[in-house]
Amino acid sequence: MKIAEEEKDFELVKEKNDKKKNYIFKKDSTTKTGFYIIVVILIILTAVTIYYGLQTME
């Protein structure tokens, strides 16, 4: 039954001082920096895709 209990305690974001092991992201500066880098890359890729899509319509 321990596995079922662990699945119920699953968290998306873990607090910095929490000792849980069932989480995806840790709430620290590395996670925030990585998130911002990924967002910037996605924005650049979207802008480039729109730009080249408009170029082919001419």
PDB file of N, CA and C in Angstrom:
ATOM      1  N   MET A   1       0.799  -1.197   0.000  1.00  0.00           N
ATOM      2  CA  MET A   1       0.000   0.000   0.000  1.00  0.00           C
ATOM      3  C   MET A   1       0.846   1.266   0.000  1.00  0.00           C
ATOM      4  N   LYS A   2       2.119   1.162   0.193  1.00  0.00           N
ATOM      5  CA  LYS A   2       2.973   2.341   0.251  1.00  0.00           C
ATOM      6  C   LYS A   2       3.012   3.062  -1.096  1.00  0.00           C
ATOM      7  N   ILE A   3       2.977   2.323  -2.198  1.00  0.00           N
ATOM      8  CA  ILE A   3       3.012   2.938  -3.522  1.00  0.00           C
ATOM      9  C   ILE A   3       1.763   3.785  -3.743  1.00  0.00           C
ATOM     10  N   ALA A   4       0.610   3.291  -3.367  1.00  0.00           N
ATOM     11  CA  ALA A   4      -0.631   4.045  -3.531  1.00  0.00           C
ATOM     12  C   ALA A   4      -0.596   5.332  -2.713  1.00  0.00           C
ATOM     13  N   GLU A   5      -0.037   5.286  -1.531  1.00  0.00           N
ATOM     14  CA  GLU A   5       0.068   6.482  -0.705  1.00  0.00           C
ATOM     15  C   GLU A   5       1.012   7.495  -1.324  1.00  0.00           C
ATOM     16  N   GLU A   6       2.097   7.041  -1.930  1.00  0.00           N
ATOM     17  CA  GLU A   6       3.050   7.949  -2.558  1.00  0.00           C
ATOM     18  C   GLU A   6       2.436   8.629  -3.770  1.00  0.00           C
ATOM     19  N   GLU A   7       1.604   7.919  -4.525  1.00  0.00           N
ATOM     20  CA  GLU A   7       0.966   8.520  -5.683  1.00  0.00           C
ATOM     21  C   GLU A   7       0.021   9.643  -5.262  1.00  0.00           C
ATOM     22  N   LYS A   8      -0.607   9.518  -4.127  1.00  0.00           N
ATOM     23  CA  LYS A   8      -1.497  10.563  -3.642  1.00  0.00           C
ATOM     24  C   LYS A   8      -0.719  11.795  -3.190  1.00  0.00           C
ATOM     25  N   ASP A   9       0.510  11.634  -2.772  1.00  0.00           N
ATOM     26  CA  ASP A   9       1.322  12.749  -2.288  1.00  0.00           C
ATOM     27  C   ASP A   9       2.107  13.433  -3.400  1.00  0.00           C
ATOM     28  N   PHE A  10       1.849  13.097  -4.651  1.00  0.00           N
ATOM     29  CA  PHE A  10       2.589  13.630  -5.781  1.00  0.00           C
ATOM     30  C   PHE A  10       2.367  15.135  -5.901  1.00  0.00           C
ATOM     31  N   GLU A  11       3.457  15.879  -6.137  1.00  0.00           N
ATOM     32  CA  GLU A  11       3.379  17.332  -6.299  1.00  0.00           C
ATOM     33  C   GLU A  11       4.080  17.756  -7.581  1.00  0.00           C
ATOM     34  N   LEU A  12       3.579  18.810  -8.196  1.00  0.00           N
ATOM     35  CA  LEU A  12       4.198  19.344  -9.394  1.00  0.00           C
ATOM     36  C   LEU A  12       5.427  20.178  -9.034  1.00  0.00           C
ATOM     37  N   VAL A  13       5.295  21.013  -8.002  1.00  0.00           N
ATOM     38  CA  VAL A  13       6.396  21.869  -7.560  1.00  0.00           C
ATOM     39  C   VAL A  13       6.675  21.584  -6.095  1.00  0.00           C
ATOM     40  N   LYS A  14       7.946  21.374  -5.773  1.00  0.00           N
ATOM     41  CA  LYS A  14       8.365  21.088  -4.399  1.00  0.00           C
ATOM     42  C   LYS A  14       8.972  22.336  -3.788  1.00  0.00           C
ATOM     43  N   GLU A  15       8.623  22.608  -2.565  1.00  0.00           N
ATOM     44  CA  GLU A  15       9.245  23.725  -1.859  1.00  0.00           C
ATOM     45  C   GLU A  15      10.721  23.426  -1.625  1.00  0.00           C
ATOM     46  N   LYS A  16      11.513  24.452  -1.478  1.00  0.00           N
ATOM     47  CA  LYS A  16      12.967  24.301  -1.371  1.00  0.00           C
ATOM     48  C   LYS A  16      13.396  23.423  -0.197  1.00  0.00           C
ATOM     49  N   ASN A  17      12.776  23.567   0.967  1.00  0.00           N
ATOM     50  CA  ASN A  17      13.205  22.831   2.158  1.00  0.00           C
ATOM     51  C   ASN A  17      12.401  21.566   2.415  1.00  0.00           C
ATOM     52  N   ASP A  18      11.482  21.220   1.518  1.00  0.00           N
ATOM     53  CA  ASP A  18      10.655  20.027   1.688  1.00  0.00           C
ATOM     54  C   ASP A  18      11.476  18.784   1.334  1.00  0.00           C
ATOM     55  N   LYS A  19      11.309  17.699   2.065  1.00  0.00           N
ATOM     56  CA  LYS A  19      12.115  16.501   1.838  1.00  0.00           C
ATOM     57  C   LYS A  19      11.379  15.431   1.032  1.00  0.00           C
ATOM     58  N   LYS A  20      10.259  15.769   0.394  1.00  0.00           N
ATOM     59  CA  LYS A  20       9.511  14.805  -0.406  1.00  0.00           C
ATOM     60  C   LYS A  20      10.300  14.412  -1.645  1.00  0.00           C
ATOM     61  N   LYS A  21      10.007  13.219  -2.160  1.00  0.00           N
ATOM     62  CA  LYS A  21      10.668  12.746  -3.369  1.00  0.00           C
ATOM     63  C   LYS A  21       9.726  12.696  -4.562  1.00  0.00           C
ATOM     64  N   ASN A  22       8.427  12.901  -4.338  1.00  0.00           N
ATOM     65  CA  ASN A  22       7.447  12.825  -5.415  1.00  0.00           C
ATOM     66  C   ASN A  22       7.161  14.218  -5.962  1.00  0.00           C
ATOM     67  N   TYR A  23       8.012  14.718  -6.844  1.00  0.00           N
ATOM     68  CA  TYR A  23       7.825  16.039  -7.425  1.00  0.00           C
ATOM     69  C   TYR A  23       8.488  16.085  -8.788  1.00  0.00           C
ATOM     70  N   ILE A  24       8.115  17.077  -9.585  1.00  0.00           N
ATOM     71  CA  ILE A  24       8.728  17.266 -10.901  1.00  0.00           C
ATOM     72  C   ILE A  24       9.719  18.423 -10.856  1.00  0.00           C
ATOM     73  N   PHE A  25       9.297  19.555 -10.309  1.00  0.00           N
ATOM     74  CA  PHE A  25      10.143  20.739 -10.242  1.00  0.00           C
ATOM     75  C   PHE A  25      10.417  21.131  -8.803  1.00  0.00           C
ATOM     76  N   LYS A  26      11.598  21.677  -8.577  1.00  0.00           N
ATOM     77  CA  LYS A  26      11.966  22.212  -7.279  1.00  0.00           C
ATOM     78  C   LYS A  26      11.817  23.728  -7.348  1.00  0.00           C
ATOM     79  N   LYS A  27      11.344  24.347  -6.305  1.00  0.00           N
ATOM     80  CA  LYS A  27      11.164  25.792  -6.304  1.00  0.00           C
ATOM     81  C   LYS A  27      12.483  26.442  -5.897  1.00  0.00           C
ATOM     82  N   ASP A  28      13.376  26.635  -6.887  1.00  0.00           N
ATOM     83  CA  ASP A  28      14.656  27.283  -6.636  1.00  0.00           C
ATOM     84  C   ASP A  28      15.055  28.104  -7.860  1.00  0.00           C
ATOM     85  N   SER A  29      16.187  28.762  -7.784  1.00  0.00           N
ATOM     86  CA  SER A  29      16.602  29.664  -8.862  1.00  0.00           C
ATOM     87  C   SER A  29      16.962  28.916 -10.144  1.00  0.00           C
ATOM     88  N   THR A  30      17.453  27.692 -10.043  1.00  0.00           N
ATOM     89  CA  THR A  30      17.800  26.923 -11.238  1.00  0.00           C
ATOM     90  C   THR A  30      16.559  26.607 -12.054  1.00  0.00           C
ATOM     91  N   THR A  31      15.496  26.223 -11.393  1.00  0.00           N
ATOM     92  CA  THR A  31      14.252  25.920 -12.087  1.00  0.00           C
ATOM     93  C   THR A  31      13.682  27.171 -12.739  1.00  0.00           C
ATOM     94  N   LYS A  32      13.715  28.291 -12.039  1.00  0.00           N
ATOM     95  CA  LYS A  32      13.203  29.542 -12.597  1.00  0.00           C
ATOM     96  C   LYS A  32      14.024  29.972 -13.806  1.00  0.00           C
ATOM     97  N   THR A  33      15.340  29.873 -13.711  1.00  0.00           N
ATOM     98  CA  THR A  33      16.203  30.247 -14.831  1.00  0.00           C
ATOM     99  C   THR A  33      15.945  29.349 -16.040  1.00  0.00           C
ATOM    100  N   GLY A  34      15.849  28.063 -15.820  1.00  0.00           N
ATOM    101  CA  GLY A  34      15.554  27.131 -16.909  1.00  0.00           C
ATOM    102  C   GLY A  34      14.214  27.410 -17.546  1.00  0.00           C
ATOM    103  N   PHE A  35      13.210  27.730 -16.737  1.00  0.00           N
ATOM    104  CA  PHE A  35      11.882  28.055 -17.252  1.00  0.00           C
ATOM    105  C   PHE A  35      11.948  29.278 -18.151  1.00  0.00           C
ATOM    106  N   TYR A  36      12.648  30.325 -17.707  1.00  0.00           N
ATOM    107  CA  TYR A  36      12.738  31.540 -18.509  1.00  0.00           C
ATOM    108  C   TYR A  36      13.505  31.306 -19.810  1.00  0.00           C
ATOM    109  N   ILE A  37      14.547  30.503 -19.776  1.00  0.00           N
ATOM    110  CA  ILE A  37      15.299  30.187 -20.996  1.00  0.00           C
ATOM    111  C   ILE A  37      14.408  29.457 -21.991  1.00  0.00           C
ATOM    112  N   ILE A  38      13.645  28.492 -21.518  1.00  0.00           N
ATOM    113  CA  ILE A  38      12.753  27.738 -22.410  1.00  0.00           C
ATOM    114  C   ILE A  38      11.671  28.639 -22.987  1.00  0.00           C
ATOM    115  N   VAL A  39      11.118  29.539 -22.180  1.00  0.00           N
ATOM    116  CA  VAL A  39      10.084  30.461 -22.673  1.00  0.00           C
ATOM    117  C   VAL A  39      10.656  31.369 -23.758  1.00  0.00           C
ATOM    118  N   VAL A  40      11.847  31.890 -23.549  1.00  0.00           N
ATOM    119  CA  VAL A  40      12.472  32.770 -24.549  1.00  0.00           C
ATOM    120  C   VAL A  40      12.724  32.005 -25.843  1.00  0.00           C
ATOM    121  N   ILE A  41      13.220  30.785 -25.752  1.00  0.00           N
ATOM    122  CA  ILE A  41      13.468  29.975 -26.950  1.00  0.00           C
ATOM    123  C   ILE A  41      12.163  29.714 -27.702  1.00  0.00           C
ATOM    124  N   LEU A  42      11.092  29.395 -26.978  1.00  0.00           N
ATOM    125  CA  LEU A  42       9.802  29.159 -27.628  1.00  0.00           C
ATOM    126  C   LEU A  42       9.260  30.417 -28.299  1.00  0.00           C
ATOM    127  N   ILE A  43       9.447  31.566 -27.674  1.00  0.00           N
ATOM    128  CA  ILE A  43       9.005  32.820 -28.283  1.00  0.00           C
ATOM    129  C   ILE A  43       9.791  33.101 -29.553  1.00  0.00           C
ATOM    130  N   ILE A  44      11.108  32.886 -29.518  1.00  0.00           N
ATOM    131  CA  ILE A  44      11.942  33.105 -30.711  1.00  0.00           C
ATOM    132  C   ILE A  44      11.537  32.159 -31.832  1.00  0.00           C
ATOM    133  N   LEU A  45      11.333  30.884 -31.508  1.00  0.00           N
ATOM    134  CA  LEU A  45      10.922  29.919 -32.534  1.00  0.00           C
ATOM    135  C   LEU A  45       9.564  30.275 -33.127  1.00  0.00           C
ATOM    136  N   THR A  46       8.647  30.733 -32.308  1.00  0.00           N
ATOM    137  CA  THR A  46       7.333  31.140 -32.802  1.00  0.00           C
ATOM    138  C   THR A  46       7.453  32.357 -33.717  1.00  0.00           C
ATOM    139  N   ALA A  47       8.251  33.335 -33.335  1.00  0.00           N
ATOM    140  CA  ALA A  47       8.438  34.529 -34.149  1.00  0.00           C
ATOM    141  C   ALA A  47       9.079  34.189 -35.490  1.00  0.00           C
ATOM    142  N   VAL A  48      10.074  33.331 -35.480  1.00  0.00           N
ATOM    143  CA  VAL A  48      10.750  32.938 -36.722  1.00  0.00           C
ATOM    144  C   VAL A  48       9.784  32.167 -37.619  1.00  0.00           C
ATOM    145  N   THR A  49       8.985  31.293 -37.041  1.00  0.00           N
ATOM    146  CA  THR A  49       8.009  30.528 -37.824  1.00  0.00           C
ATOM    147  C   THR A  49       6.981  31.452 -38.476  1.00  0.00           C
ATOM    148  N   ILE A  50       6.496  32.424 -37.725  1.00  0.00           N
ATOM    149  CA  ILE A  50       5.534  33.377 -38.287  1.00  0.00           C
ATOM    150  C   ILE A  50       6.191  34.212 -39.377  1.00  0.00           C
ATOM    151  N   TYR A  51       7.412  34.661 -39.137  1.00  0.00           N
ATOM    152  CA  TYR A  51       8.135  35.470 -40.125  1.00  0.00           C
ATOM    153  C   TYR A  51       8.302  34.712 -41.445  1.00  0.00           C
ATOM    154  N   TYR A  52       8.799  33.479 -41.392  1.00  0.00           N
ATOM    155  CA  TYR A  52       9.007  32.712 -42.602  1.00  0.00           C
ATOM    156  C   TYR A  52       7.677  32.282 -43.233  1.00  0.00           C
ATOM    157  N   GLY A  53       6.650  32.113 -42.431  1.00  0.00           N
ATOM    158  CA  GLY A  53       5.328  31.812 -42.981  1.00  0.00           C
ATOM    159  C   GLY A  53       4.780  32.988 -43.773  1.00  0.00           C
ATOM    160  N   LEU A  54       5.011  34.194 -43.293  1.00  0.00           N
ATOM    161  CA  LEU A  54       4.572  35.383 -44.021  1.00  0.00           C
ATOM    162  C   LEU A  54       5.411  35.609 -45.269  1.00  0.00           C
ATOM    163  N   GLN A  55       6.678  35.213 -45.255  1.00  0.00           N
ATOM    164  CA  GLN A  55       7.544  35.367 -46.423  1.00  0.00           C
ATOM    165  C   GLN A  55       7.082  34.500 -47.586  1.00  0.00           C
ATOM    166  N   THR A  56       6.562  33.335 -47.311  1.00  0.00           N
ATOM    167  CA  THR A  56       6.140  32.426 -48.380  1.00  0.00           C
ATOM    168  C   THR A  56       4.804  32.843 -48.969  1.00  0.00           C
ATOM    169  N   MET A  57       4.055  33.714 -48.300  1.00  0.00           N
ATOM    170  CA  MET A  57       2.760  34.161 -48.804  1.00  0.00           C
ATOM    171  C   MET A  57       2.911  35.261 -49.858  1.00  0.00           C
ATOM    172  N   GLU A  58       4.061  35.872 -49.967  1.00  0.00           N
ATOM    173  CA  GLU A  58       4.261  36.972 -50.913  1.00  0.00           C
ATOM    174  C   GLU A  58       4.391  36.515 -52.307  1.00  0.00           C
TER     175      GLU A  58
END
